[in-house]
Amino acid sequence: MAKRRKNRRGPGILVLIALAVLIAGFIVRRTLIPQAIHYLAYRQPDNPSLAPAAMPSEDLSPSDREQLDQTLKQKAH
């Protein structure tokens, strides 16, 4: 009876597939995930004029501006 040699290609292909998955995982983690987190974490309002009223405005009335200037002058001295 002649002995047949086992085909050793199976584990080699599995190692290559595992290595490719590992490399793809690193690439995804380094490139796609930071972009996705930035996209999910910061969303600009579609219409800035409809922003919530609780957000402070930098447009001060003249009397408020004068009061702020006086307060800053007092703090500086």
Protein backbone atom coordinates (compact mmCIF):
# COMPACT_ATOMS: atom_id res chain seq x y z
CA MET A 1 0.00 0.00 0.00
CA ALA A 2 1.25 3.38 -0.94
CA LYS A 3 1.01 6.14 1.59
CA ARG A 4 -0.64 9.30 0.44
CA ARG A 5 0.85 12.63 1.41
CA LYS A 6 -1.53 14.96 3.16
CA ASN A 7 -2.27 18.22 1.46
CA ARG A 8 -0.77 20.97 3.64
CA ARG A 9 -2.42 23.91 1.87
CA GLY A 10 -5.35 24.11 4.33
CA PRO A 11 -3.57 25.57 7.37
CA GLY A 12 -1.45 27.87 5.21
CA ILE A 13 -4.51 29.47 3.64
CA LEU A 14 -6.12 29.85 7.07
CA VAL A 15 -3.01 31.62 8.36
CA LEU A 16 -3.05 33.99 5.38
CA ILE A 17 -6.76 34.73 5.90
CA ALA A 18 -6.20 35.37 9.61
CA LEU A 19 -3.29 37.68 8.81
CA ALA A 20 -5.38 39.58 6.24
CA VAL A 21 -8.22 39.99 8.77
CA LEU A 22 -5.76 41.24 11.38
CA ILE A 23 -4.26 43.80 8.98
CA ALA A 24 -7.73 44.91 7.86
CA GLY A 25 -8.71 45.35 11.52
CA PHE A 26 -5.75 47.64 12.18
CA ILE A 27 -6.48 49.68 9.05
CA VAL A 28 -10.14 50.09 9.98
CA ARG A 29 -9.27 51.02 13.56
CA ARG A 30 -6.74 53.63 12.47
CA THR A 31 -8.66 55.24 9.60
CA LEU A 32 -12.39 54.66 9.66
CA ILE A 33 -13.22 54.66 13.36
CA PRO A 34 -11.81 58.16 14.15
CA GLN A 35 -13.75 59.58 11.20
CA ALA A 36 -16.93 57.87 12.36
CA ILE A 37 -16.49 59.10 15.93
CA HIS A 38 -15.91 62.65 14.73
CA TYR A 39 -19.02 62.43 12.56
CA LEU A 40 -21.14 61.09 15.42
CA ALA A 41 -19.74 63.42 18.09
CA TYR A 42 -19.99 66.72 16.21
CA ARG A 43 -23.02 67.56 14.14
CA GLN A 44 -23.50 71.16 13.07
CA PRO A 45 -27.12 72.35 13.27
CA ASP A 46 -28.85 72.31 9.91
CA ASN A 47 -30.21 75.82 10.42
CA PRO A 48 -28.16 78.00 12.82
CA SER A 49 -31.00 80.53 13.13
CA LEU A 50 -33.07 77.81 14.83
CA ALA A 51 -30.42 77.08 17.45
CA PRO A 52 -31.74 76.64 21.00
CA ALA A 53 -32.44 79.87 22.85
CA ALA A 54 -30.35 78.72 25.83
CA MET A 55 -27.15 79.17 23.86
CA PRO A 56 -25.42 82.44 24.80
CA SER A 57 -25.20 85.11 22.15
CA GLU A 58 -22.18 87.33 21.60
CA ASP A 59 -24.31 90.20 20.31
CA LEU A 60 -24.49 92.49 23.33
CA SER A 61 -26.68 95.53 23.60
CA PRO A 62 -24.82 98.85 24.02
CA SER A 63 -25.76 99.06 27.71
CA ASP A 64 -24.57 95.49 28.32
CA ARG A 65 -21.33 96.24 26.48
CA GLU A 66 -20.76 99.35 28.61
CA GLN A 67 -21.43 97.43 31.81
CA LEU A 68 -19.02 94.70 30.72
CA ASP A 69 -16.31 97.28 29.93
CA GLN A 70 -16.76 98.87 33.35
CA THR A 71 -16.53 95.52 35.08
CA LEU A 72 -13.37 94.63 33.18
CA LYS A 73 -11.78 97.99 34.04
CA GLN A 74 -12.56 97.44 37.74
CA LYS A 75 -11.04 93.97 37.64
CA ALA A 76 -7.91 95.28 35.91
CA HIS A 77 -7.16 97.83 38.66
